[in-house]
């Protein structure tokens, strides 16, 4: 197994650890970060999430640069990303730190684009590559999650969440418009 795929698996393994750390009662106390009091469990959860997010960036860079792109990576990497971000968003809703309606839109878009990817692979045999709006969506989602876990320091988490929502909707529409020919037999 190559390094990018190991990083993807590592990201998947971090998800249960992230869940456990962020949902356990705060037994370690609090600290002040940039004038905001943050529970240590949320801080550790944000660090675990950030490490997982970095592996998302690294596995793709390494795979492309070193020509280590595999079918496993094409499949597992986007699934790992969705598992990580969707888990974090559900936890943030539970904590009252993200509006459920925003997270519902994000989850619905992810499911719809994943379905589109499956149809394209089935019909064309090729994987739908992420385009710039989708990359901005992922970047803004991940940073929104980190800042929301850090008690929304300077409202950065909230701002990024709505940036992520915009790019979630925009990139979803973009993927469907650019690939509308796949549905030409349906209408």
N, C-alpha and C. Protein backbone atom coordinates (compact mmCIF):
# COMPACT_ATOMS: atom_id res chain seq x y z
N UNK A 1 0.85 -1.17 0.00
CA UNK A 1 0.00 0.00 0.00
C UNK A 1 0.90 1.24 0.00
N UNK A 2 0.57 2.19 -0.87
CA UNK A 2 1.41 3.38 -0.99
C UNK A 2 1.07 4.42 0.10
N UNK A 3 1.93 5.43 0.21
CA UNK A 3 1.79 6.44 1.26
C UNK A 3 0.47 7.22 1.18
N UNK A 4 0.03 7.68 0.00
CA UNK A 4 -1.26 8.39 -0.03
C UNK A 4 -2.42 7.55 0.50
N UNK A 5 -2.44 6.28 0.16
CA UNK A 5 -3.52 5.42 0.65
C UNK A 5 -3.41 5.19 2.15
N UNK A 6 -2.18 5.11 2.67
CA UNK A 6 -1.99 4.99 4.12
C UNK A 6 -2.51 6.24 4.83
N UNK A 7 -2.26 7.40 4.23
CA UNK A 7 -2.77 8.65 4.82
C UNK A 7 -4.29 8.68 4.82
N UNK A 8 -4.90 8.18 3.76
CA UNK A 8 -6.37 8.12 3.69
C UNK A 8 -6.91 7.20 4.79
N UNK A 9 -6.29 6.05 4.95
CA UNK A 9 -6.73 5.11 6.00
C UNK A 9 -6.51 5.73 7.38
N UNK A 10 -5.39 6.42 7.56
CA UNK A 10 -5.12 7.10 8.82
C UNK A 10 -6.22 8.12 9.12
N UNK A 11 -6.66 8.86 8.10
CA UNK A 11 -7.73 9.85 8.27
C UNK A 11 -9.01 9.15 8.72
N UNK A 12 -9.32 8.02 8.14
CA UNK A 12 -10.52 7.27 8.53
C UNK A 12 -10.40 6.79 9.98
N UNK A 13 -9.22 6.35 10.37
CA UNK A 13 -8.99 5.89 11.75
C UNK A 13 -9.14 7.04 12.75
N UNK A 14 -8.78 8.25 12.33
CA UNK A 14 -8.89 9.40 13.23
C UNK A 14 -10.35 9.78 13.52
N UNK A 15 -11.28 9.39 12.66
CA UNK A 15 -12.68 9.78 12.84
C UNK A 15 -13.26 9.29 14.17
N UNK A 16 -13.14 8.00 14.51
CA UNK A 16 -13.68 7.57 15.82
C UNK A 16 -12.98 8.26 16.99
N UNK A 17 -11.68 8.49 16.87
CA UNK A 17 -10.96 9.20 17.92
C UNK A 17 -11.50 10.62 18.06
N UNK A 18 -11.71 11.29 16.94
CA UNK A 18 -12.29 12.63 16.94
C UNK A 18 -13.66 12.63 17.63
N UNK A 19 -14.49 11.65 17.31
CA UNK A 19 -15.83 11.55 17.91
C UNK A 19 -15.71 11.40 19.42
N UNK A 20 -14.90 10.46 19.85
CA UNK A 20 -14.77 10.18 21.29
C UNK A 20 -14.29 11.42 22.03
N UNK A 21 -13.26 12.06 21.51
CA UNK A 21 -12.68 13.22 22.19
C UNK A 21 -13.67 14.38 22.25
N UNK A 22 -14.39 14.64 21.17
CA UNK A 22 -15.25 15.82 21.15
C UNK A 22 -16.56 15.62 21.90
N UNK A 23 -17.01 14.40 22.08
CA UNK A 23 -18.31 14.21 22.75
C UNK A 23 -18.19 13.83 24.22
N UNK A 24 -16.99 13.47 24.68
CA UNK A 24 -16.87 13.14 26.09
C UNK A 24 -17.02 14.41 26.93
N UNK A 25 -17.49 14.26 28.15
CA UNK A 25 -17.59 15.45 29.01
C UNK A 25 -16.20 16.06 29.21
N UNK A 26 -16.18 17.36 29.35
CA UNK A 26 -14.91 18.08 29.50
C UNK A 26 -14.35 17.86 30.90
N UNK A 27 -13.47 16.88 31.01
CA UNK A 27 -12.88 16.57 32.32
C UNK A 27 -11.51 17.24 32.49
N UNK A 28 -10.99 17.83 31.42
CA UNK A 28 -9.65 18.41 31.47
C UNK A 28 -9.66 19.92 31.69
N UNK A 29 -10.82 20.51 31.83
CA UNK A 29 -10.88 21.94 32.11
C UNK A 29 -10.92 22.78 30.85
N UNK A 30 -10.57 24.05 31.02
CA UNK A 30 -10.63 25.00 29.91
C UNK A 30 -9.33 25.78 29.83
N UNK A 31 -9.13 26.39 28.67
CA UNK A 31 -7.99 27.29 28.49
C UNK A 31 -8.49 28.50 27.70
N UNK A 32 -7.74 29.57 27.77
CA UNK A 32 -8.09 30.77 27.01
C UNK A 32 -7.22 30.83 25.76
N UNK A 33 -7.89 30.99 24.63
CA UNK A 33 -7.21 31.14 23.34
C UNK A 33 -7.77 32.40 22.69
N UNK A 34 -6.90 33.37 22.43
CA UNK A 34 -7.31 34.63 21.80
C UNK A 34 -8.47 35.27 22.55
N UNK A 35 -8.44 35.19 23.88
CA UNK A 35 -9.46 35.80 24.69
C UNK A 35 -10.75 35.01 24.78
N UNK A 36 -10.79 33.82 24.20
CA UNK A 36 -11.97 32.97 24.23
C UNK A 36 -11.67 31.74 25.07
N UNK A 37 -12.59 31.40 25.96
CA UNK A 37 -12.42 30.20 26.78
C UNK A 37 -12.88 28.99 25.98
N UNK A 38 -11.99 28.01 25.90
CA UNK A 38 -12.26 26.81 25.11
C UNK A 38 -12.03 25.59 25.99
N UNK A 39 -12.94 24.63 25.91
CA UNK A 39 -12.72 23.39 26.65
C UNK A 39 -11.55 22.64 26.01
N UNK A 40 -10.80 21.97 26.84
CA UNK A 40 -9.64 21.23 26.34
C UNK A 40 -10.08 20.13 25.38
N UNK A 41 -11.24 19.52 25.66
CA UNK A 41 -11.70 18.45 24.76
C UNK A 41 -12.00 19.01 23.36
N UNK A 42 -12.58 20.20 23.28
CA UNK A 42 -12.83 20.80 21.96
C UNK A 42 -11.52 21.18 21.28
N UNK A 43 -10.57 21.67 22.05
CA UNK A 43 -9.27 22.02 21.49
C UNK A 43 -8.58 20.77 20.93
N UNK A 44 -8.57 19.70 21.71
CA UNK A 44 -7.96 18.45 21.25
C UNK A 44 -8.72 17.92 20.03
N UNK A 45 -10.05 18.02 20.06
CA UNK A 45 -10.85 17.61 18.90
C UNK A 45 -10.51 18.42 17.67
N UNK A 46 -10.32 19.74 17.85
CA UNK A 46 -9.94 20.60 16.72
C UNK A 46 -8.58 20.21 16.18
N UNK A 47 -7.66 19.85 17.06
CA UNK A 47 -6.32 19.43 16.63
C UNK A 47 -6.39 18.12 15.86
N UNK A 48 -7.16 17.17 16.37
CA UNK A 48 -7.32 15.89 15.66
C UNK A 48 -7.95 16.12 14.30
N UNK A 49 -8.98 16.96 14.26
CA UNK A 49 -9.63 17.26 12.98
C UNK A 49 -8.64 17.93 12.03
N UNK A 50 -7.84 18.87 12.54
CA UNK A 50 -6.86 19.56 11.69
C UNK A 50 -5.82 18.58 11.13
N UNK A 51 -5.38 17.66 11.95
CA UNK A 51 -4.42 16.64 11.46
C UNK A 51 -5.07 15.82 10.35
N UNK A 52 -6.32 15.41 10.56
CA UNK A 52 -7.02 14.64 9.53
C UNK A 52 -7.18 15.47 8.25
N UNK A 53 -7.50 16.75 8.40
CA UNK A 53 -7.66 17.63 7.23
C UNK A 53 -6.35 17.78 6.48
N UNK A 54 -5.25 17.86 7.21
CA UNK A 54 -3.94 17.97 6.56
C UNK A 54 -3.64 16.70 5.76
N UNK A 55 -4.02 15.54 6.28
CA UNK A 55 -3.79 14.30 5.52
C UNK A 55 -4.58 14.30 4.23
N UNK A 56 -5.75 14.97 4.22
CA UNK A 56 -6.53 15.08 2.99
C UNK A 56 -5.74 15.84 1.94
N UNK A 57 -5.13 16.94 2.34
CA UNK A 57 -4.32 17.72 1.41
C UNK A 57 -3.10 16.93 0.96
N UNK A 58 -2.41 16.30 1.92
CA UNK A 58 -1.16 15.61 1.61
C UNK A 58 -1.34 14.39 0.71
N UNK A 59 -2.37 13.58 0.99
CA UNK A 59 -2.49 12.35 0.20
C UNK A 59 -2.70 12.65 -1.29
N UNK A 60 -3.50 13.66 -1.59
CA UNK A 60 -3.71 14.02 -2.99
C UNK A 60 -2.46 14.59 -3.64
N UNK A 61 -1.77 15.46 -2.92
CA UNK A 61 -0.53 16.06 -3.46
C UNK A 61 0.51 14.98 -3.75
N UNK A 62 0.72 14.10 -2.79
CA UNK A 62 1.72 13.04 -2.95
C UNK A 62 1.33 12.10 -4.09
N UNK A 63 0.06 11.71 -4.14
CA UNK A 63 -0.40 10.78 -5.18
C UNK A 63 -0.18 11.36 -6.57
N UNK A 64 -0.50 12.63 -6.76
CA UNK A 64 -0.33 13.24 -8.09
C UNK A 64 1.14 13.47 -8.43
N UNK A 65 1.90 13.99 -7.49
CA UNK A 65 3.32 14.30 -7.76
C UNK A 65 4.15 13.06 -8.01
N UNK A 66 3.87 11.99 -7.27
CA UNK A 66 4.68 10.79 -7.38
C UNK A 66 4.01 9.71 -8.24
N UNK A 67 2.94 10.10 -8.93
CA UNK A 67 2.21 9.19 -9.83
C UNK A 67 1.80 7.92 -9.08
N UNK A 68 1.18 8.12 -7.92
CA UNK A 68 0.72 7.02 -7.08
C UNK A 68 -0.80 6.97 -7.00
N UNK A 69 -1.47 7.50 -8.01
CA UNK A 69 -2.93 7.50 -8.02
C UNK A 69 -3.40 6.05 -8.25
N UNK A 70 -4.30 5.59 -7.36
CA UNK A 70 -4.82 4.23 -7.45
C UNK A 70 -6.35 4.27 -7.45
N UNK A 71 -6.96 3.18 -7.88
CA UNK A 71 -8.42 3.09 -7.82
C UNK A 71 -8.90 3.16 -6.38
N UNK A 72 -8.15 2.53 -5.47
CA UNK A 72 -8.51 2.61 -4.06
C UNK A 72 -8.52 4.07 -3.60
N UNK A 73 -7.49 4.80 -3.95
CA UNK A 73 -7.40 6.21 -3.56
C UNK A 73 -8.51 7.04 -4.16
N UNK A 74 -8.84 6.80 -5.43
CA UNK A 74 -9.93 7.53 -6.08
C UNK A 74 -11.25 7.29 -5.37
N UNK A 75 -11.41 6.09 -4.84
CA UNK A 75 -12.64 5.73 -4.13
C UNK A 75 -12.60 6.20 -2.69
N UNK A 76 -11.53 5.84 -1.97
CA UNK A 76 -11.49 6.02 -0.52
C UNK A 76 -11.27 7.48 -0.10
N UNK A 77 -10.48 8.23 -0.86
CA UNK A 77 -10.18 9.61 -0.46
C UNK A 77 -11.43 10.47 -0.34
N UNK A 78 -12.29 10.54 -1.37
CA UNK A 78 -13.48 11.37 -1.20
C UNK A 78 -14.44 10.84 -0.14
N UNK A 79 -14.50 9.53 0.01
CA UNK A 79 -15.36 8.95 1.05
C UNK A 79 -14.83 9.35 2.43
N UNK A 80 -13.51 9.26 2.62
CA UNK A 80 -12.91 9.64 3.91
C UNK A 80 -13.18 11.11 4.21
N UNK A 81 -13.07 11.96 3.19
CA UNK A 81 -13.34 13.39 3.38
C UNK A 81 -14.77 13.62 3.85
N UNK A 82 -15.70 12.97 3.19
CA UNK A 82 -17.11 13.14 3.53
C UNK A 82 -17.41 12.58 4.92
N UNK A 83 -16.83 11.42 5.23
CA UNK A 83 -17.02 10.84 6.56
C UNK A 83 -16.52 11.80 7.64
N UNK A 84 -15.35 12.37 7.41
CA UNK A 84 -14.75 13.28 8.38
C UNK A 84 -15.59 14.54 8.55
N UNK A 85 -15.90 15.22 7.46
CA UNK A 85 -16.61 16.50 7.58
C UNK A 85 -18.05 16.30 8.03
N UNK A 86 -18.73 15.28 7.52
CA UNK A 86 -20.12 15.07 7.93
C UNK A 86 -20.20 14.71 9.41
N UNK A 87 -19.26 13.88 9.89
CA UNK A 87 -19.22 13.55 11.31
C UNK A 87 -19.05 14.82 12.14
N UNK A 88 -18.10 15.65 11.75
CA UNK A 88 -17.85 16.89 12.49
C UNK A 88 -19.07 17.80 12.48
N UNK A 89 -19.72 17.93 11.32
CA UNK A 89 -20.90 18.80 11.25
C UNK A 89 -22.03 18.28 12.13
N UNK A 90 -22.25 16.97 12.15
CA UNK A 90 -23.30 16.41 13.00
C UNK A 90 -22.98 16.70 14.47
N UNK A 91 -21.73 16.54 14.86
CA UNK A 91 -21.33 16.83 16.24
C UNK A 91 -21.53 18.31 16.56
N UNK A 92 -21.20 19.18 15.61
CA UNK A 92 -21.39 20.63 15.83
C UNK A 92 -22.86 20.98 15.98
N UNK A 93 -23.74 20.31 15.25
CA UNK A 93 -25.18 20.54 15.42
C UNK A 93 -25.60 20.09 16.82
N UNK A 94 -25.13 18.92 17.22
CA UNK A 94 -25.45 18.40 18.55
C UNK A 94 -24.99 19.36 19.65
N UNK A 95 -23.85 19.99 19.45
CA UNK A 95 -23.30 20.93 20.43
C UNK A 95 -23.96 22.31 20.35
N UNK A 96 -24.83 22.50 19.36
CA UNK A 96 -25.47 23.80 19.19
C UNK A 96 -24.55 24.84 18.57
N UNK A 97 -23.53 24.40 17.85
CA UNK A 97 -22.53 25.31 17.29
C UNK A 97 -22.68 25.50 15.78
N UNK A 98 -23.60 24.77 15.16
CA UNK A 98 -23.87 24.94 13.73
C UNK A 98 -25.36 24.72 13.52
N UNK A 99 -26.00 25.56 12.69
CA UNK A 99 -27.43 25.38 12.43
C UNK A 99 -27.70 24.09 11.64
N UNK A 100 -28.70 23.36 12.08
CA UNK A 100 -29.03 22.08 11.43
C UNK A 100 -29.38 22.28 9.96
N UNK A 101 -30.06 23.39 9.61
CA UNK A 101 -30.47 23.58 8.22
C UNK A 101 -29.26 23.75 7.31
N UNK A 102 -28.20 24.39 7.80
CA UNK A 102 -26.97 24.55 7.00
C UNK A 102 -26.32 23.19 6.79
N UNK A 103 -26.22 22.43 7.86
CA UNK A 103 -25.61 21.11 7.78
C UNK A 103 -26.44 20.18 6.89
N UNK A 104 -27.76 20.29 6.96
CA UNK A 104 -28.62 19.47 6.10
C UNK A 104 -28.35 19.76 4.62
N UNK A 105 -28.21 21.02 4.27
CA UNK A 105 -27.90 21.38 2.87
C UNK A 105 -26.55 20.80 2.46
N UNK A 106 -25.57 20.92 3.35
CA UNK A 106 -24.24 20.39 3.04
C UNK A 106 -24.30 18.88 2.85
N UNK A 107 -24.98 18.18 3.73
CA UNK A 107 -25.08 16.72 3.63
C UNK A 107 -25.81 16.32 2.35
N UNK A 108 -26.91 17.00 2.04
CA UNK A 108 -27.67 16.68 0.82
C UNK A 108 -26.82 16.89 -0.43
N UNK A 109 -26.05 17.97 -0.48
CA UNK A 109 -25.18 18.23 -1.63
C UNK A 109 -24.15 17.11 -1.76
N UNK A 110 -23.55 16.71 -0.64
CA UNK A 110 -22.52 15.67 -0.67
C UNK A 110 -23.11 14.36 -1.19
N UNK A 111 -24.30 14.02 -0.74
CA UNK A 111 -24.95 12.79 -1.22
C UNK A 111 -25.29 12.88 -2.70
N UNK A 112 -25.79 14.04 -3.13
CA UNK A 112 -26.15 14.21 -4.54
C UNK A 112 -24.93 14.13 -5.44
N UNK A 113 -23.85 14.80 -5.08
CA UNK A 113 -22.65 14.77 -5.92
C UNK A 113 -22.01 13.38 -5.88
N UNK A 114 -22.07 12.70 -4.75
CA UNK A 114 -21.56 11.33 -4.68
C UNK A 114 -22.36 10.42 -5.61
N UNK A 115 -23.67 10.60 -5.63
CA UNK A 115 -24.50 9.84 -6.56
C UNK A 115 -24.16 10.15 -8.01
N UNK A 116 -23.94 11.42 -8.31
CA UNK A 116 -23.54 11.82 -9.66
C UNK A 116 -22.22 11.15 -10.05
N UNK A 117 -21.28 11.14 -9.13
CA UNK A 117 -19.99 10.50 -9.39
C UNK A 117 -20.18 9.02 -9.73
N UNK A 118 -21.07 8.35 -9.00
CA UNK A 118 -21.32 6.92 -9.27
C UNK A 118 -21.92 6.71 -10.66
N UNK A 119 -22.85 7.56 -11.04
CA UNK A 119 -23.46 7.45 -12.36
C UNK A 119 -22.42 7.67 -13.45
N UNK A 120 -21.57 8.67 -13.27
CA UNK A 120 -20.54 8.96 -14.27
C UNK A 120 -19.55 7.80 -14.39
N UNK A 121 -19.14 7.24 -13.27
CA UNK A 121 -18.22 6.10 -13.31
C UNK A 121 -18.88 4.92 -14.02
N UNK A 122 -20.15 4.69 -13.72
CA UNK A 122 -20.87 3.58 -14.33
C UNK A 122 -21.01 3.76 -15.84
N UNK A 123 -21.31 4.98 -16.27
CA UNK A 123 -21.53 5.24 -17.70
C UNK A 123 -20.25 5.47 -18.48
N UNK A 124 -19.32 6.22 -17.91
CA UNK A 124 -18.11 6.61 -18.65
C UNK A 124 -16.86 5.88 -18.19
N UNK A 125 -16.92 5.26 -17.04
CA UNK A 125 -15.75 4.57 -16.52
C UNK A 125 -14.68 5.50 -15.98
N UNK A 126 -15.01 6.78 -15.81
CA UNK A 126 -14.02 7.71 -15.27
C UNK A 126 -14.54 8.37 -14.01
N UNK A 127 -13.59 8.74 -13.15
CA UNK A 127 -13.93 9.37 -11.88
C UNK A 127 -14.07 10.87 -12.11
N UNK A 128 -15.13 11.45 -11.58
CA UNK A 128 -15.36 12.89 -11.68
C UNK A 128 -14.36 13.60 -10.77
N UNK A 129 -13.46 14.35 -11.38
CA UNK A 129 -12.42 15.04 -10.62
C UNK A 129 -13.01 16.25 -9.91
N UNK A 130 -12.42 16.57 -8.78
CA UNK A 130 -12.83 17.77 -8.05
C UNK A 130 -12.37 19.01 -8.81
N UNK A 131 -13.26 19.98 -8.90
CA UNK A 131 -12.92 21.23 -9.57
C UNK A 131 -12.73 22.30 -8.51
N UNK A 132 -12.27 23.47 -8.93
CA UNK A 132 -11.90 24.53 -7.97
C UNK A 132 -13.04 24.90 -7.01
N UNK A 133 -14.29 25.07 -7.47
CA UNK A 133 -15.34 25.39 -6.49
C UNK A 133 -15.49 24.30 -5.41
N UNK A 134 -15.33 23.05 -5.81
CA UNK A 134 -15.41 21.95 -4.85
C UNK A 134 -14.25 21.96 -3.88
N UNK A 135 -13.07 22.34 -4.37
CA UNK A 135 -11.91 22.42 -3.50
C UNK A 135 -12.06 23.57 -2.50
N UNK A 136 -12.60 24.69 -2.96
CA UNK A 136 -12.85 25.82 -2.05
C UNK A 136 -13.90 25.41 -1.02
N UNK A 137 -14.90 24.67 -1.45
CA UNK A 137 -15.93 24.18 -0.54
C UNK A 137 -15.31 23.33 0.56
N UNK A 138 -14.47 22.39 0.18
CA UNK A 138 -13.84 21.51 1.16
C UNK A 138 -12.94 22.31 2.11
N UNK A 139 -12.13 23.19 1.57
CA UNK A 139 -11.23 24.02 2.36
C UNK A 139 -12.03 24.86 3.36
N UNK A 140 -13.07 25.53 2.90
CA UNK A 140 -13.85 26.39 3.81
C UNK A 140 -14.62 25.56 4.83
N UNK A 141 -15.11 24.39 4.45
CA UNK A 141 -15.79 23.52 5.41
C UNK A 141 -14.83 23.11 6.52
N UNK A 142 -13.64 22.67 6.13
CA UNK A 142 -12.70 22.18 7.13
C UNK A 142 -12.25 23.28 8.09
N UNK A 143 -11.98 24.47 7.55
CA UNK A 143 -11.59 25.56 8.43
C UNK A 143 -12.76 26.04 9.28
N UNK A 144 -13.97 26.01 8.74
CA UNK A 144 -15.14 26.38 9.54
C UNK A 144 -15.28 25.44 10.73
N UNK A 145 -15.10 24.16 10.49
CA UNK A 145 -15.22 23.17 11.57
C UNK A 145 -14.18 23.44 12.65
N UNK A 146 -12.94 23.67 12.24
CA UNK A 146 -11.88 23.92 13.22
C UNK A 146 -12.21 25.15 14.06
N UNK A 147 -12.59 26.26 13.42
CA UNK A 147 -12.87 27.49 14.17
C UNK A 147 -14.15 27.39 15.00
N UNK A 148 -15.13 26.63 14.52
CA UNK A 148 -16.33 26.43 15.34
C UNK A 148 -15.99 25.61 16.59
N UNK A 149 -15.14 24.60 16.42
CA UNK A 149 -14.71 23.81 17.59
C UNK A 149 -13.92 24.67 18.58
N UNK A 150 -13.28 25.70 18.09
CA UNK A 150 -12.54 26.62 18.96
C UNK A 150 -13.44 27.75 19.46
N UNK A 151 -14.69 27.44 19.67
CA UNK A 151 -15.71 28.37 20.17
C UNK A 151 -15.87 29.59 19.28
N UNK A 152 -15.69 29.39 17.99
CA UNK A 152 -16.00 30.43 17.00
C UNK A 152 -15.23 31.72 17.27
N UNK A 153 -13.93 31.58 17.49
CA UNK A 153 -13.08 32.74 17.79
C UNK A 153 -13.29 33.83 16.74
N UNK A 154 -13.61 35.02 17.22
CA UNK A 154 -13.84 36.21 16.38
C UNK A 154 -14.88 35.96 15.28
N UNK A 155 -15.78 35.03 15.51
CA UNK A 155 -16.84 34.66 14.57
C UNK A 155 -16.30 34.12 13.25
N UNK A 156 -15.03 33.74 13.23
CA UNK A 156 -14.43 33.21 12.00
C UNK A 156 -15.13 31.92 11.57
N UNK A 157 -15.45 31.06 12.54
CA UNK A 157 -16.13 29.80 12.22
C UNK A 157 -17.47 30.03 11.54
N UNK A 158 -18.25 30.97 12.07
CA UNK A 158 -19.56 31.28 11.48
C UNK A 158 -19.42 31.85 10.07
N UNK A 159 -18.47 32.77 9.91
CA UNK A 159 -18.25 33.35 8.58
C UNK A 159 -17.86 32.26 7.59
N UNK A 160 -16.90 31.43 8.00
CA UNK A 160 -16.46 30.35 7.10
C UNK A 160 -17.56 29.33 6.84
N UNK A 161 -18.43 29.10 7.82
CA UNK A 161 -19.53 28.17 7.61
C UNK A 161 -20.44 28.66 6.49
N UNK A 162 -20.73 29.96 6.46
CA UNK A 162 -21.60 30.49 5.41
C UNK A 162 -20.87 30.62 4.08
N UNK A 163 -19.56 30.81 4.10
CA UNK A 163 -18.76 30.73 2.87
C UNK A 163 -18.83 29.30 2.35
N UNK A 164 -18.66 28.33 3.26
CA UNK A 164 -18.75 26.92 2.88
C UNK A 164 -20.13 26.59 2.32
N UNK A 165 -21.17 27.13 2.93
CA UNK A 165 -22.53 26.89 2.44
C UNK A 165 -22.67 27.41 1.01
N UNK A 166 -22.19 28.63 0.77
CA UNK A 166 -22.25 29.20 -0.58
C UNK A 166 -21.54 28.30 -1.58
N UNK A 167 -20.29 27.90 -1.27
CA UNK A 167 -19.54 27.07 -2.22
C UNK A 167 -20.08 25.65 -2.29
N UNK A 168 -20.73 25.20 -1.24
CA UNK A 168 -21.40 23.90 -1.28
C UNK A 168 -22.50 23.93 -2.33
N UNK A 169 -23.33 24.94 -2.28
CA UNK A 169 -24.43 25.07 -3.25
C UNK A 169 -23.88 25.34 -4.64
N UNK A 170 -22.97 26.30 -4.75
CA UNK A 170 -22.41 26.68 -6.05
C UNK A 170 -21.72 25.50 -6.73
N UNK A 171 -20.86 24.79 -5.99
CA UNK A 171 -20.13 23.68 -6.60
C UNK A 171 -21.07 22.52 -6.95
N UNK A 172 -22.10 22.31 -6.13
CA UNK A 172 -23.07 21.26 -6.45
C UNK A 172 -23.80 21.56 -7.75
N UNK A 173 -24.25 22.79 -7.89
CA UNK A 173 -24.91 23.20 -9.14
C UNK A 173 -23.94 23.08 -10.31
N UNK A 174 -22.70 23.53 -10.09
CA UNK A 174 -21.67 23.48 -11.13
C UNK A 174 -21.45 22.04 -11.62
N UNK A 175 -21.31 21.09 -10.69
CA UNK A 175 -21.11 19.69 -11.08
C UNK A 175 -22.28 19.17 -11.91
N UNK A 176 -23.50 19.49 -11.49
CA UNK A 176 -24.66 18.98 -12.21
C UNK A 176 -24.83 19.65 -13.57
N UNK A 177 -24.59 20.95 -13.64
CA UNK A 177 -24.71 21.65 -14.94
C UNK A 177 -23.67 21.12 -15.92
N UNK A 178 -22.43 20.98 -15.48
CA UNK A 178 -21.37 20.50 -16.36
C UNK A 178 -21.55 19.06 -16.79
N UNK A 179 -22.31 18.30 -16.03
CA UNK A 179 -22.50 16.88 -16.34
C UNK A 179 -23.95 16.55 -16.66
N UNK A 180 -24.72 17.56 -17.08
CA UNK A 180 -26.14 17.34 -17.34
C UNK A 180 -26.38 16.35 -18.48
N UNK A 181 -25.42 16.19 -19.37
CA UNK A 181 -25.60 15.26 -20.49
C UNK A 181 -25.81 13.83 -20.01
N UNK A 182 -25.33 13.53 -18.82
CA UNK A 182 -25.49 12.18 -18.27
C UNK A 182 -26.97 11.85 -18.04
N UNK A 183 -27.79 12.91 -17.90
CA UNK A 183 -29.22 12.70 -17.66
C UNK A 183 -30.06 12.92 -18.93
N UNK A 184 -29.42 13.03 -20.08
CA UNK A 184 -30.15 13.34 -21.32
C UNK A 184 -31.20 12.31 -21.67
N UNK A 185 -31.03 11.07 -21.23
CA UNK A 185 -32.02 10.03 -21.52
C UNK A 185 -33.20 10.07 -20.57
N UNK A 186 -33.14 10.93 -19.55
CA UNK A 186 -34.18 10.96 -18.53
C UNK A 186 -35.32 11.94 -18.84
N UNK A 187 -35.08 12.85 -19.74
CA UNK A 187 -36.09 13.88 -19.98
C UNK A 187 -36.61 13.82 -21.38
